[in-house]
């Protein structure tokens, strides 16, 4: 046999070369988003969570307010034995044993003494001796005194240097308002009864009427 070389069809196998996978070969569900887009998506999700929590907190607050409505607190000063408004006074409240008239509270004393003692007693009560402002008030005072047999000092005294009657607030007595009967001289003070206003020595023993607003 000839030692001849026999050539046959030999199928050669070559190792395939490595080629990078093209983008078209990626799975269809793979994320192709850039990094900043993913970060924005996370921030949006966090914002939605915060909004949801805020809504829950708001609903809890509304429920609490509905169940516990705020109560308005008013500071009201109360006084014992408040008197009924009289003489056109509206909702005026006065202490015990005081009478209301317009914007005044009037006190008729049960004790007596000179004019100066009445002045001091009224001051202790944070008031002054009465001064009458018009004819209507004069009538109201005299109506209060109808059942009383006493006469009362008011905040009126005579100033001999000027020969005039003055109220303790410094105003001059209007003669058209009331006429003071009797002699006016030094140390004369005004006194009121259920029928008239007259001059009396300031050292006389009388009761008095206080007022405060």
N, C-alpha and C. Protein backbone atom coordinates (compact mmCIF):
# COMPACT_ATOMS: atom_id res chain seq x y z
N UNK A 1 0.84 -1.17 0.00
CA UNK A 1 0.00 0.00 0.00
C UNK A 1 0.88 1.22 0.00
N UNK A 2 0.39 2.17 -0.89
CA UNK A 2 1.27 3.34 -1.01
C UNK A 2 1.10 4.20 0.21
N UNK A 3 2.28 4.60 0.61
CA UNK A 3 2.25 5.51 1.78
C UNK A 3 1.95 6.93 1.32
N UNK A 4 0.89 7.00 0.59
CA UNK A 4 0.47 8.31 0.08
C UNK A 4 -0.50 8.98 1.08
N UNK A 5 -0.36 10.20 1.06
CA UNK A 5 -1.23 10.93 1.98
C UNK A 5 -2.63 11.00 1.42
N UNK A 6 -3.49 10.74 2.32
CA UNK A 6 -4.89 10.78 1.91
C UNK A 6 -5.50 12.05 2.51
N UNK A 7 -6.00 12.81 1.59
CA UNK A 7 -6.62 14.05 2.01
C UNK A 7 -8.12 13.89 2.01
N UNK A 8 -8.63 14.13 3.08
CA UNK A 8 -10.10 14.06 3.19
C UNK A 8 -10.67 15.44 3.53
N UNK A 9 -11.89 15.40 3.39
CA UNK A 9 -12.60 16.67 3.78
C UNK A 9 -12.65 16.76 5.29
N UNK A 10 -11.92 17.62 5.74
CA UNK A 10 -11.85 17.81 7.20
C UNK A 10 -12.61 19.10 7.58
N UNK A 11 -13.62 18.92 8.44
CA UNK A 11 -14.41 20.11 8.91
C UNK A 11 -13.67 20.71 10.08
N UNK A 12 -13.24 21.83 9.85
CA UNK A 12 -12.49 22.52 10.91
C UNK A 12 -13.44 23.29 11.81
N UNK A 13 -13.14 23.26 13.09
CA UNK A 13 -13.96 23.99 14.10
C UNK A 13 -13.15 25.12 14.68
N UNK A 14 -13.62 26.24 14.51
CA UNK A 14 -12.96 27.42 15.05
C UNK A 14 -13.74 27.98 16.25
N UNK A 15 -12.92 28.36 17.18
CA UNK A 15 -13.57 28.96 18.37
C UNK A 15 -14.14 30.32 18.00
N UNK A 16 -15.39 30.47 18.20
CA UNK A 16 -16.00 31.78 17.81
C UNK A 16 -15.40 32.92 18.61
N UNK A 17 -15.20 34.04 17.93
CA UNK A 17 -14.64 35.22 18.59
C UNK A 17 -15.69 35.90 19.47
N UNK A 18 -15.28 36.55 20.60
CA UNK A 18 -16.20 37.25 21.53
C UNK A 18 -16.60 38.59 20.94
N UNK A 19 -17.87 38.76 20.86
CA UNK A 19 -18.41 40.03 20.40
C UNK A 19 -19.35 40.60 21.45
N UNK A 20 -19.19 41.86 21.81
CA UNK A 20 -20.09 42.48 22.84
C UNK A 20 -21.52 42.48 22.38
N UNK A 21 -22.36 42.21 23.35
CA UNK A 21 -23.79 42.09 23.05
C UNK A 21 -24.35 43.45 22.70
N UNK A 22 -25.01 43.52 21.62
CA UNK A 22 -25.57 44.79 21.16
C UNK A 22 -26.78 45.16 21.99
N UNK A 23 -27.09 46.44 22.06
CA UNK A 23 -28.25 46.88 22.84
C UNK A 23 -29.52 46.21 22.40
N UNK A 24 -29.58 45.82 21.14
CA UNK A 24 -30.81 45.20 20.65
C UNK A 24 -31.00 43.81 21.21
N UNK A 25 -29.86 43.24 21.75
CA UNK A 25 -29.98 41.88 22.27
C UNK A 25 -30.39 41.85 23.73
N UNK A 26 -30.56 43.10 24.46
CA UNK A 26 -30.97 43.14 25.87
C UNK A 26 -32.42 42.72 26.00
N UNK A 27 -32.74 42.16 27.13
CA UNK A 27 -34.14 41.76 27.34
C UNK A 27 -35.05 42.97 27.19
N UNK A 28 -36.27 42.71 26.76
CA UNK A 28 -37.20 43.80 26.49
C UNK A 28 -37.60 44.55 27.74
N UNK A 29 -37.57 43.91 28.95
CA UNK A 29 -37.99 44.56 30.20
C UNK A 29 -36.89 45.29 30.91
N UNK A 30 -35.68 45.32 30.38
CA UNK A 30 -34.55 45.95 31.07
C UNK A 30 -34.72 47.46 31.09
N UNK A 31 -34.29 48.11 32.20
CA UNK A 31 -34.42 49.56 32.36
C UNK A 31 -33.34 50.27 31.57
N UNK A 32 -33.73 51.18 30.71
CA UNK A 32 -32.78 51.94 29.92
C UNK A 32 -32.71 53.40 30.40
N UNK A 33 -33.32 53.67 31.62
CA UNK A 33 -33.39 55.05 32.12
C UNK A 33 -32.03 55.52 32.64
N UNK A 34 -31.72 56.79 32.46
CA UNK A 34 -30.47 57.33 33.03
C UNK A 34 -30.57 57.40 34.55
N UNK A 35 -29.46 57.63 35.23
CA UNK A 35 -29.39 57.61 36.70
C UNK A 35 -30.21 58.73 37.32
N UNK A 36 -30.18 59.96 36.77
CA UNK A 36 -30.93 61.07 37.34
C UNK A 36 -32.42 60.84 37.27
N UNK A 37 -32.86 60.13 36.26
CA UNK A 37 -34.29 59.85 36.14
C UNK A 37 -34.75 58.92 37.26
N UNK A 38 -33.92 57.97 37.60
CA UNK A 38 -34.25 57.06 38.70
C UNK A 38 -34.30 57.81 40.03
N UNK A 39 -33.37 58.76 40.22
CA UNK A 39 -33.36 59.55 41.46
C UNK A 39 -34.62 60.41 41.57
N UNK A 40 -35.04 61.01 40.44
CA UNK A 40 -36.26 61.82 40.45
C UNK A 40 -37.48 60.97 40.79
N UNK A 41 -37.48 59.76 40.28
CA UNK A 41 -38.60 58.85 40.57
C UNK A 41 -38.66 58.51 42.05
N UNK A 42 -37.50 58.30 42.68
CA UNK A 42 -37.46 58.01 44.11
C UNK A 42 -37.96 59.20 44.94
N UNK A 43 -37.51 60.40 44.52
CA UNK A 43 -37.96 61.59 45.24
C UNK A 43 -39.46 61.79 45.12
N UNK A 44 -40.01 61.49 43.95
CA UNK A 44 -41.45 61.61 43.77
C UNK A 44 -42.20 60.63 44.65
N UNK A 45 -41.69 59.46 44.77
CA UNK A 45 -42.32 58.45 45.64
C UNK A 45 -42.28 58.91 47.10
N UNK A 46 -41.13 59.49 47.51
CA UNK A 46 -41.01 59.98 48.88
C UNK A 46 -42.00 61.12 49.14
N UNK A 47 -42.18 61.99 48.13
CA UNK A 47 -43.13 63.09 48.27
C UNK A 47 -44.55 62.60 48.42
N UNK A 48 -44.89 61.59 47.65
CA UNK A 48 -46.24 61.02 47.75
C UNK A 48 -46.48 60.41 49.13
N UNK A 49 -45.45 59.78 49.68
CA UNK A 49 -45.58 59.18 51.02
C UNK A 49 -45.80 60.27 52.05
N UNK A 50 -45.01 61.37 51.96
CA UNK A 50 -45.18 62.48 52.91
C UNK A 50 -46.56 63.11 52.79
N UNK A 51 -47.05 63.27 51.57
CA UNK A 51 -48.39 63.83 51.36
C UNK A 51 -49.45 62.93 51.99
N UNK A 52 -49.29 61.64 51.84
CA UNK A 52 -50.24 60.70 52.41
C UNK A 52 -50.25 60.79 53.94
N UNK A 53 -49.04 60.88 54.52
CA UNK A 53 -48.95 61.00 55.98
C UNK A 53 -49.56 62.32 56.46
N UNK A 54 -49.35 63.40 55.68
CA UNK A 54 -49.92 64.69 56.06
C UNK A 54 -51.44 64.65 56.05
N UNK A 55 -52.01 63.96 55.04
CA UNK A 55 -53.47 63.83 54.97
C UNK A 55 -54.00 63.06 56.17
N UNK A 56 -53.28 62.03 56.58
CA UNK A 56 -53.70 61.26 57.76
C UNK A 56 -53.68 62.15 59.01
N UNK A 57 -52.58 62.91 59.18
CA UNK A 57 -52.49 63.79 60.34
C UNK A 57 -53.58 64.85 60.34
N UNK A 58 -53.90 65.40 59.16
CA UNK A 58 -54.94 66.41 59.07
C UNK A 58 -56.30 65.84 59.43
N UNK A 59 -56.58 64.64 58.97
CA UNK A 59 -57.86 64.01 59.29
C UNK A 59 -57.99 63.75 60.79
N UNK A 60 -56.88 63.35 61.43
CA UNK A 60 -56.90 63.13 62.88
C UNK A 60 -57.16 64.44 63.62
N UNK A 61 -56.53 65.54 63.15
CA UNK A 61 -56.72 66.84 63.77
C UNK A 61 -58.16 67.32 63.64
N UNK A 62 -58.74 67.15 62.45
CA UNK A 62 -60.13 67.56 62.24
C UNK A 62 -61.07 66.77 63.14
N UNK A 63 -60.84 65.49 63.26
CA UNK A 63 -61.68 64.66 64.13
C UNK A 63 -61.57 65.11 65.58
N UNK A 64 -60.34 65.46 66.01
CA UNK A 64 -60.15 65.92 67.39
C UNK A 64 -60.88 67.22 67.65
N UNK A 65 -60.82 68.16 66.66
CA UNK A 65 -61.49 69.44 66.83
C UNK A 65 -63.00 69.29 66.84
N UNK A 66 -63.50 68.35 66.05
CA UNK A 66 -64.95 68.11 66.04
C UNK A 66 -65.43 67.56 67.37
N UNK A 67 -64.65 66.66 67.94
CA UNK A 67 -65.03 66.04 69.20
C UNK A 67 -64.77 66.96 70.39
N UNK A 68 -63.80 67.89 70.27
CA UNK A 68 -63.45 68.79 71.38
C UNK A 68 -63.43 70.23 70.88
N UNK A 69 -64.59 70.84 70.62
CA UNK A 69 -64.62 72.21 70.12
C UNK A 69 -64.03 73.17 71.13
N UNK A 70 -63.32 74.20 70.66
CA UNK A 70 -62.74 75.17 71.60
C UNK A 70 -63.83 75.93 72.33
N UNK A 71 -63.62 76.17 73.62
CA UNK A 71 -64.60 76.86 74.45
C UNK A 71 -64.08 78.26 74.73
N UNK A 72 -64.87 79.24 74.36
CA UNK A 72 -64.47 80.62 74.61
C UNK A 72 -64.59 80.92 76.08
N UNK A 73 -63.54 81.51 76.60
CA UNK A 73 -63.52 81.83 78.03
C UNK A 73 -63.68 83.33 78.20
N UNK A 74 -64.62 83.65 78.96
CA UNK A 74 -64.88 85.06 79.21
C UNK A 74 -64.65 85.36 80.68
N UNK A 75 -63.93 86.44 80.93
CA UNK A 75 -63.70 86.88 82.31
C UNK A 75 -64.80 87.85 82.69
N UNK A 76 -65.70 87.42 83.56
CA UNK A 76 -66.84 88.24 83.95
C UNK A 76 -66.72 88.56 85.42
N UNK A 77 -66.65 89.81 85.75
CA UNK A 77 -66.59 90.21 87.15
C UNK A 77 -68.00 90.21 87.72
N UNK A 78 -68.23 89.43 88.78
CA UNK A 78 -69.54 89.31 89.38
C UNK A 78 -69.59 90.10 90.67
N UNK A 79 -70.73 90.60 90.96
CA UNK A 79 -70.94 91.36 92.18
C UNK A 79 -72.16 90.81 92.89
N UNK A 80 -72.16 90.89 94.19
CA UNK A 80 -73.25 90.35 94.98
C UNK A 80 -74.50 91.21 94.84
N UNK A 81 -75.64 90.51 94.79
CA UNK A 81 -76.94 91.16 94.83
C UNK A 81 -77.04 92.31 93.84
N UNK A 82 -76.92 92.01 92.57
CA UNK A 82 -76.95 93.05 91.57
C UNK A 82 -78.34 93.65 91.46
N UNK A 83 -78.42 94.97 91.33
CA UNK A 83 -79.69 95.64 91.30
C UNK A 83 -80.23 95.72 89.89
N UNK A 84 -81.54 95.92 89.77
CA UNK A 84 -82.17 96.04 88.47
C UNK A 84 -81.83 97.40 87.87
N UNK A 85 -81.59 97.47 86.54
CA UNK A 85 -81.32 98.76 85.92
C UNK A 85 -82.51 99.69 86.07
N UNK A 86 -82.29 100.96 86.41
CA UNK A 86 -83.35 101.94 86.56
C UNK A 86 -82.91 103.24 85.94
N UNK A 87 -83.86 104.13 85.77
CA UNK A 87 -83.55 105.47 85.26
C UNK A 87 -82.92 105.45 83.89
N UNK A 88 -83.32 104.51 83.02
CA UNK A 88 -82.77 104.45 81.67
C UNK A 88 -81.44 103.76 81.59
N UNK A 89 -80.94 103.19 82.67
CA UNK A 89 -79.65 102.50 82.64
C UNK A 89 -79.79 101.17 81.91
N UNK A 90 -78.80 100.82 81.11
CA UNK A 90 -78.84 99.57 80.37
C UNK A 90 -77.76 98.64 80.88
N UNK A 91 -78.21 97.53 81.47
CA UNK A 91 -77.32 96.46 81.91
C UNK A 91 -76.25 96.96 82.89
N UNK A 92 -76.60 98.00 83.69
CA UNK A 92 -75.64 98.48 84.68
C UNK A 92 -75.79 97.65 85.95
N UNK A 93 -74.69 97.06 86.41
CA UNK A 93 -74.73 96.22 87.60
C UNK A 93 -74.00 96.93 88.74
N UNK A 94 -74.68 97.03 89.86
CA UNK A 94 -74.11 97.73 91.01
C UNK A 94 -73.96 96.78 92.19
N UNK A 95 -73.07 97.09 93.15
CA UNK A 95 -72.87 96.24 94.33
C UNK A 95 -74.11 96.23 95.23
N UNK A 96 -74.02 95.40 96.24
CA UNK A 96 -75.09 95.30 97.22
C UNK A 96 -75.38 96.67 97.85
N UNK A 97 -76.66 96.96 98.03
CA UNK A 97 -77.14 98.19 98.68
C UNK A 97 -76.89 99.45 97.86
N UNK A 98 -76.55 99.28 96.59
CA UNK A 98 -76.39 100.43 95.71
C UNK A 98 -77.54 100.44 94.70
N UNK A 99 -77.91 101.63 94.25
CA UNK A 99 -78.97 101.78 93.25
C UNK A 99 -78.35 102.22 91.92
N UNK A 100 -78.85 101.67 90.84
CA UNK A 100 -78.30 102.04 89.54
C UNK A 100 -79.13 103.13 88.90
N UNK A 101 -78.44 104.06 88.27
CA UNK A 101 -79.09 105.13 87.52
C UNK A 101 -78.17 105.52 86.36
N UNK A 102 -78.65 105.29 85.14
CA UNK A 102 -77.84 105.54 83.95
C UNK A 102 -76.48 104.86 84.10
N UNK A 103 -75.41 105.66 84.08
CA UNK A 103 -74.07 105.06 84.20
C UNK A 103 -73.52 105.20 85.61
N UNK A 104 -74.42 105.43 86.59
CA UNK A 104 -73.99 105.63 87.97
C UNK A 104 -74.51 104.52 88.88
N UNK A 105 -73.79 104.32 89.96
CA UNK A 105 -74.27 103.52 91.08
C UNK A 105 -74.37 104.46 92.27
N UNK A 106 -75.52 104.48 92.96
CA UNK A 106 -75.79 105.42 94.03
C UNK A 106 -75.93 104.69 95.36
N UNK A 107 -75.32 105.26 96.39
CA UNK A 107 -75.37 104.67 97.72
C UNK A 107 -75.95 105.68 98.70
N UNK A 108 -77.00 105.28 99.43
CA UNK A 108 -77.62 106.12 100.44
C UNK A 108 -77.18 105.62 101.81
N UNK A 109 -76.46 106.44 102.53
CA UNK A 109 -75.85 105.98 103.78
C UNK A 109 -76.90 105.76 104.87
N UNK A 110 -76.55 104.90 105.82
CA UNK A 110 -77.37 104.66 107.00
C UNK A 110 -76.77 105.33 108.24
N UNK A 111 -75.52 105.78 108.11
CA UNK A 111 -74.86 106.48 109.22
C UNK A 111 -74.87 107.97 108.93
N UNK A 112 -74.53 108.75 109.92
CA UNK A 112 -74.57 110.21 109.77
C UNK A 112 -73.31 110.84 110.34
N UNK A 113 -73.09 112.10 110.00
CA UNK A 113 -71.93 112.83 110.45
C UNK A 113 -71.81 114.11 109.67
N UNK A 114 -70.72 114.86 109.84
CA UNK A 114 -70.51 116.09 109.08
C UNK A 114 -70.22 115.79 107.60
N UNK A 115 -70.21 116.85 106.81
CA UNK A 115 -69.98 116.73 105.36
C UNK A 115 -68.65 116.06 105.06
N UNK A 116 -67.62 116.40 105.82
CA UNK A 116 -66.28 115.83 105.60
C UNK A 116 -66.27 114.32 105.84
N UNK A 117 -67.07 113.85 106.80
CA UNK A 117 -67.12 112.41 107.06
C UNK A 117 -67.78 111.67 105.90
N UNK A 118 -68.81 112.29 105.35
CA UNK A 118 -69.44 111.70 104.17
C UNK A 118 -68.48 111.64 102.99
N UNK A 119 -67.69 112.70 102.86
CA UNK A 119 -66.69 112.75 101.78
C UNK A 119 -65.69 111.60 101.94
N UNK A 120 -65.24 111.36 103.17
CA UNK A 120 -64.28 110.30 103.43
C UNK A 120 -64.89 108.92 103.21
N UNK A 121 -66.14 108.73 103.68
CA UNK A 121 -66.80 107.44 103.52
C UNK A 121 -66.98 107.08 102.05
N UNK A 122 -67.37 108.05 101.26
CA UNK A 122 -67.53 107.80 99.82
C UNK A 122 -66.18 107.44 99.18
N UNK A 123 -65.13 108.13 99.61
CA UNK A 123 -63.80 107.86 99.06
C UNK A 123 -63.35 106.44 99.38
N UNK A 124 -63.65 105.97 100.60
CA UNK A 124 -63.32 104.59 100.98
C UNK A 124 -64.06 103.60 100.07
N UNK A 125 -65.24 103.95 99.65
CA UNK A 125 -66.04 103.09 98.76
C UNK A 125 -65.66 103.29 97.30
N UNK A 126 -64.57 104.01 97.06
CA UNK A 126 -64.11 104.33 95.70
C UNK A 126 -65.17 105.10 94.94
N UNK A 127 -65.78 106.05 95.64
CA UNK A 127 -66.85 106.86 95.07
C UNK A 127 -66.65 108.32 95.51
N UNK A 128 -67.60 109.18 95.16
CA UNK A 128 -67.60 110.58 95.58
C UNK A 128 -69.00 110.93 96.08
N UNK A 129 -69.11 112.05 96.76
CA UNK A 129 -70.43 112.55 97.10
C UNK A 129 -71.20 112.87 95.81
N UNK A 130 -72.49 112.72 95.87
CA UNK A 130 -73.33 112.87 94.68
C UNK A 130 -73.26 114.29 94.10
N UNK A 131 -73.16 114.36 92.75
CA UNK A 131 -73.44 115.63 92.09
C UNK A 131 -74.48 115.37 91.00
N UNK A 132 -75.49 116.24 91.00
CA UNK A 132 -76.68 116.05 90.16
C UNK A 132 -76.46 116.76 88.83
N UNK A 133 -76.72 116.04 87.74
CA UNK A 133 -76.38 116.55 86.41
C UNK A 133 -77.56 117.17 85.68
N UNK A 134 -78.79 116.75 85.98
CA UNK A 134 -79.94 117.33 85.28
C UNK A 134 -81.20 117.15 86.13
N UNK A 135 -82.30 117.72 85.65
CA UNK A 135 -83.56 117.69 86.40
C UNK A 135 -84.10 116.27 86.52
N UNK A 136 -83.87 115.47 85.51
CA UNK A 136 -84.35 114.09 85.56
C UNK A 136 -83.67 113.31 86.69
N UNK A 137 -82.38 113.53 86.84
CA UNK A 137 -81.66 112.86 87.93
C UNK A 137 -82.12 113.39 89.29
N UNK A 138 -82.38 114.69 89.37
CA UNK A 138 -82.89 115.28 90.61
C UNK A 138 -84.20 114.62 91.01
N UNK A 139 -85.08 114.46 90.07
CA UNK A 139 -86.37 113.82 90.35
C UNK A 139 -86.18 112.38 90.79
N UNK A 140 -85.25 111.66 90.14
CA UNK A 140 -84.99 110.26 90.49
C UNK A 140 -84.48 110.15 91.94
N UNK A 141 -83.56 111.05 92.33
CA UNK A 141 -83.02 111.02 93.69
C UNK A 141 -84.13 111.30 94.71
N UNK A 142 -84.94 112.29 94.43
CA UNK A 142 -86.00 112.64 95.38
C UNK A 142 -87.06 111.54 95.48
N UNK A 143 -87.27 110.81 94.40
CA UNK A 143 -88.17 109.66 94.46
C UNK A 143 -87.61 108.57 95.36
N UNK A 144 -86.27 108.40 95.32
CA UNK A 144 -85.64 107.41 96.21
C UNK A 144 -85.81 107.78 97.68
N UNK A 145 -85.90 109.09 97.95
CA UNK A 145 -85.95 109.57 99.33
C UNK A 145 -87.37 109.75 99.86
N UNK A 146 -88.36 109.41 99.07
CA UNK A 146 -89.74 109.64 99.48
C UNK A 146 -90.10 108.94 100.78
N UNK A 147 -89.55 107.76 100.99
CA UNK A 147 -89.89 107.00 102.20
C UNK A 147 -88.94 107.31 103.36
N UNK A 148 -88.05 108.27 103.17
CA UNK A 148 -87.04 108.57 104.20
C UNK A 148 -87.30 109.94 104.81
N UNK A 149 -87.15 110.01 106.10
CA UNK A 149 -87.39 111.25 106.83
C UNK A 149 -86.10 112.01 107.11
N UNK A 150 -85.04 111.60 106.47
CA UNK A 150 -83.74 112.22 106.73
C UNK A 150 -83.39 113.18 105.60
N UNK A 151 -82.36 113.95 105.80
CA UNK A 151 -81.77 114.80 104.76
C UNK A 151 -80.32 114.35 104.55
N UNK A 152 -79.83 114.55 103.34
CA UNK A 152 -78.55 113.92 102.95
C UNK A 152 -77.62 114.96 102.32
N UNK A 153 -76.35 114.91 102.77
CA UNK A 153 -75.32 115.73 102.13
C UNK A 153 -75.09 115.24 100.70
N UNK A 154 -74.86 116.21 99.80
CA UNK A 154 -74.44 115.88 98.43
C UNK A 154 -73.14 116.62 98.16
N UNK A 155 -72.55 116.41 97.01
CA UNK A 155 -71.24 116.98 96.71
C UNK A 155 -71.30 118.42 96.28
N UNK A 156 -71.93 119.24 97.07
CA UNK A 156 -72.12 120.65 96.75
C UNK A 156 -71.74 121.51 97.96
N UNK A 157 -70.86 122.49 97.77
CA UNK A 157 -70.50 123.40 98.87
C UNK A 157 -70.35 124.83 98.35
N UNK A 158 -70.46 125.75 99.28
CA UNK A 158 -70.47 127.17 98.91
C UNK A 158 -69.06 127.75 99.00
N UNK A 159 -68.70 128.54 97.99
CA UNK A 159 -67.39 129.21 97.95
C UNK A 159 -67.64 130.70 98.17
N UNK A 160 -67.41 131.17 99.41
CA UNK A 160 -67.75 132.57 99.72
C UNK A 160 -66.93 133.59 98.92
N UNK A 161 -65.69 133.26 98.60
CA UNK A 161 -64.85 134.22 97.86
C UNK A 161 -65.45 134.52 96.48
N UNK A 162 -66.07 133.53 95.89
CA UNK A 162 -66.66 133.72 94.56
C UNK A 162 -68.18 133.84 94.63
N UNK A 163 -68.72 133.67 95.85
CA UNK A 163 -70.16 133.78 96.08
C UNK A 163 -70.94 132.87 95.13
N UNK A 164 -70.53 131.64 95.11
CA UNK A 164 -71.21 130.68 94.24
C UNK A 164 -71.14 129.27 94.83
N UNK A 165 -72.05 128.45 94.38
CA UNK A 165 -72.05 127.04 94.77
C UNK A 165 -71.28 126.24 93.73
N UNK A 166 -70.46 125.34 94.22
CA UNK A 166 -69.67 124.50 93.29
C UNK A 166 -69.83 123.03 93.67
N UNK A 167 -69.84 122.20 92.66
CA UNK A 167 -69.84 120.76 92.87
C UNK A 167 -68.41 120.31 93.16
N UNK A 168 -68.28 119.13 93.78
CA UNK A 168 -66.94 118.68 94.15
C UNK A 168 -66.08 118.32 92.94
N UNK A 169 -66.69 118.20 91.76
CA UNK A 169 -65.88 117.96 90.56
C UNK A 169 -65.35 119.26 89.96
N UNK A 170 -65.65 120.38 90.64
CA UNK A 170 -65.13 121.67 90.19
C UNK A 170 -66.08 122.48 89.34
N UNK A 171 -67.18 121.90 88.91
CA UNK A 171 -68.13 122.63 88.06
C UNK A 171 -69.03 123.53 88.91
N UNK A 172 -69.48 124.61 88.32
CA UNK A 172 -70.33 125.59 89.01
C UNK A 172 -71.78 125.14 88.91
N UNK A 173 -72.53 125.31 89.99
CA UNK A 173 -73.94 124.93 90.00
C UNK A 173 -74.73 125.78 89.01
N UNK A 174 -75.52 125.11 88.20
CA UNK A 174 -76.40 125.79 87.25
C UNK A 174 -77.70 126.15 87.98
N UNK A 175 -77.99 127.41 88.18
CA UNK A 175 -79.20 127.79 88.92
C UNK A 175 -80.48 127.36 88.22
N UNK A 176 -80.39 127.13 86.92
CA UNK A 176 -81.58 126.65 86.20
C UNK A 176 -81.86 125.18 86.50
N UNK A 177 -80.86 124.49 86.99
CA UNK A 177 -81.04 123.07 87.34
C UNK A 177 -81.74 122.93 88.68
N UNK A 178 -81.22 123.61 89.67
CA UNK A 178 -81.85 123.57 91.00
C UNK A 178 -81.51 124.83 91.77
N UNK A 179 -82.40 125.20 92.65
CA UNK A 179 -82.21 126.36 93.52
C UNK A 179 -81.92 125.86 94.93
N UNK A 180 -80.85 126.38 95.52
CA UNK A 180 -80.50 126.02 96.89
C UNK A 180 -81.16 127.03 97.81
N UNK A 181 -82.08 126.56 98.64
CA UNK A 181 -82.78 127.45 99.56
C UNK A 181 -81.97 127.64 100.85
N UNK A 182 -82.25 128.68 101.58
CA UNK A 182 -81.54 128.95 102.82
C UNK A 182 -80.37 129.90 102.59
N UNK A 183 -79.75 130.30 103.67
CA UNK A 183 -78.63 131.24 103.61
C UNK A 183 -77.33 130.52 103.21
N UNK A 184 -76.65 131.12 102.25
CA UNK A 184 -75.36 130.59 101.81
C UNK A 184 -74.26 131.42 102.44
N UNK A 185 -73.40 130.78 103.18
CA UNK A 185 -72.29 131.47 103.83
C UNK A 185 -71.10 130.54 103.93
N UNK A 186 -70.06 130.99 104.58
CA UNK A 186 -68.87 130.15 104.73
C UNK A 186 -69.23 128.87 105.48
N UNK A 187 -68.63 127.78 105.04
CA UNK A 187 -68.89 126.46 105.61
C UNK A 187 -70.34 126.01 105.42
N UNK A 188 -70.91 126.41 104.28
CA UNK A 188 -72.24 125.92 103.91
C UNK A 188 -72.11 124.79 102.89
N UNK A 189 -72.88 123.74 103.10
CA UNK A 189 -72.86 122.59 102.17
C UNK A 189 -74.28 122.29 101.73
N UNK A 190 -74.38 121.69 100.56
CA UNK A 190 -75.69 121.35 100.02
C UNK A 190 -76.26 120.09 100.64
N UNK A 191 -77.55 120.13 100.94
CA UNK A 191 -78.26 118.99 101.52
C UNK A 191 -79.53 118.78 100.71
N UNK A 192 -79.88 117.53 100.45
CA UNK A 192 -81.08 117.21 99.70
C UNK A 192 -82.04 116.41 100.57
N UNK A 193 -83.32 116.70 100.38
CA UNK A 193 -84.38 115.92 101.03
C UNK A 193 -85.33 115.45 99.93
N UNK A 194 -86.44 114.86 100.35
CA UNK A 194 -87.38 114.35 99.35
C UNK A 194 -88.15 115.47 98.66
N UNK A 195 -87.98 116.71 99.15
CA UNK A 195 -88.73 117.83 98.56
C UNK A 195 -87.87 118.97 98.04
N UNK A 196 -86.65 119.13 98.55
CA UNK A 196 -85.87 120.31 98.18
C UNK A 196 -84.36 120.09 98.38
N UNK A 197 -83.60 121.08 97.89
CA UNK A 197 -82.16 121.15 98.13
C UNK A 197 -81.94 122.46 98.89
N UNK A 198 -81.23 122.40 99.99
CA UNK A 198 -81.08 123.60 100.81
C UNK A 198 -79.68 123.67 101.40
N UNK A 199 -79.37 124.84 101.94
CA UNK A 199 -78.06 125.11 102.54
C UNK A 199 -78.05 124.67 104.00
N UNK A 200 -76.98 124.03 104.38
CA UNK A 200 -76.82 123.54 105.75
C UNK A 200 -75.34 123.67 106.12
N UNK A 201 -75.07 123.94 107.40
CA UNK A 201 -73.68 124.01 107.81
C UNK A 201 -72.99 122.66 107.56
N UNK A 202 -71.76 122.72 107.12
CA UNK A 202 -71.02 121.49 106.79
C UNK A 202 -70.74 120.65 108.03
N UNK A 203 -70.91 121.24 109.22
CA UNK A 203 -70.63 120.50 110.45
C UNK A 203 -71.88 119.84 111.03
N UNK A 204 -73.00 120.00 110.34
CA UNK A 204 -74.25 119.39 110.83
C UNK A 204 -74.17 117.88 110.73
N UNK A 205 -75.04 117.24 111.53
CA UNK A 205 -75.06 115.78 111.55
C UNK A 205 -76.12 115.29 110.55
N UNK A 206 -75.67 114.87 109.38
CA UNK A 206 -76.58 114.39 108.33
C UNK A 206 -76.04 113.11 107.71
N UNK A 207 -76.92 112.43 107.02
CA UNK A 207 -76.48 111.30 106.20
C UNK A 207 -75.99 111.85 104.86
N UNK A 208 -75.59 110.97 103.94
CA UNK A 208 -75.04 111.43 102.65
C UNK A 208 -75.36 110.42 101.54
N UNK A 209 -75.14 110.87 100.34
CA UNK A 209 -75.35 110.02 99.16
C UNK A 209 -74.05 109.98 98.37
N UNK A 210 -73.59 108.77 98.08
CA UNK A 210 -72.36 108.59 97.27
C UNK A 210 -72.75 108.16 95.85
N UNK A 211 -71.83 108.39 94.95
CA UNK A 211 -72.01 107.92 93.58
C UNK A 211 -70.68 107.43 93.03
N UNK A 212 -70.75 106.46 92.13
CA UNK A 212 -69.57 106.06 91.35
C UNK A 212 -70.02 105.54 90.01
N UNK A 213 -69.15 105.67 89.03
CA UNK A 213 -69.48 105.26 87.69
C UNK A 213 -68.75 103.98 87.33
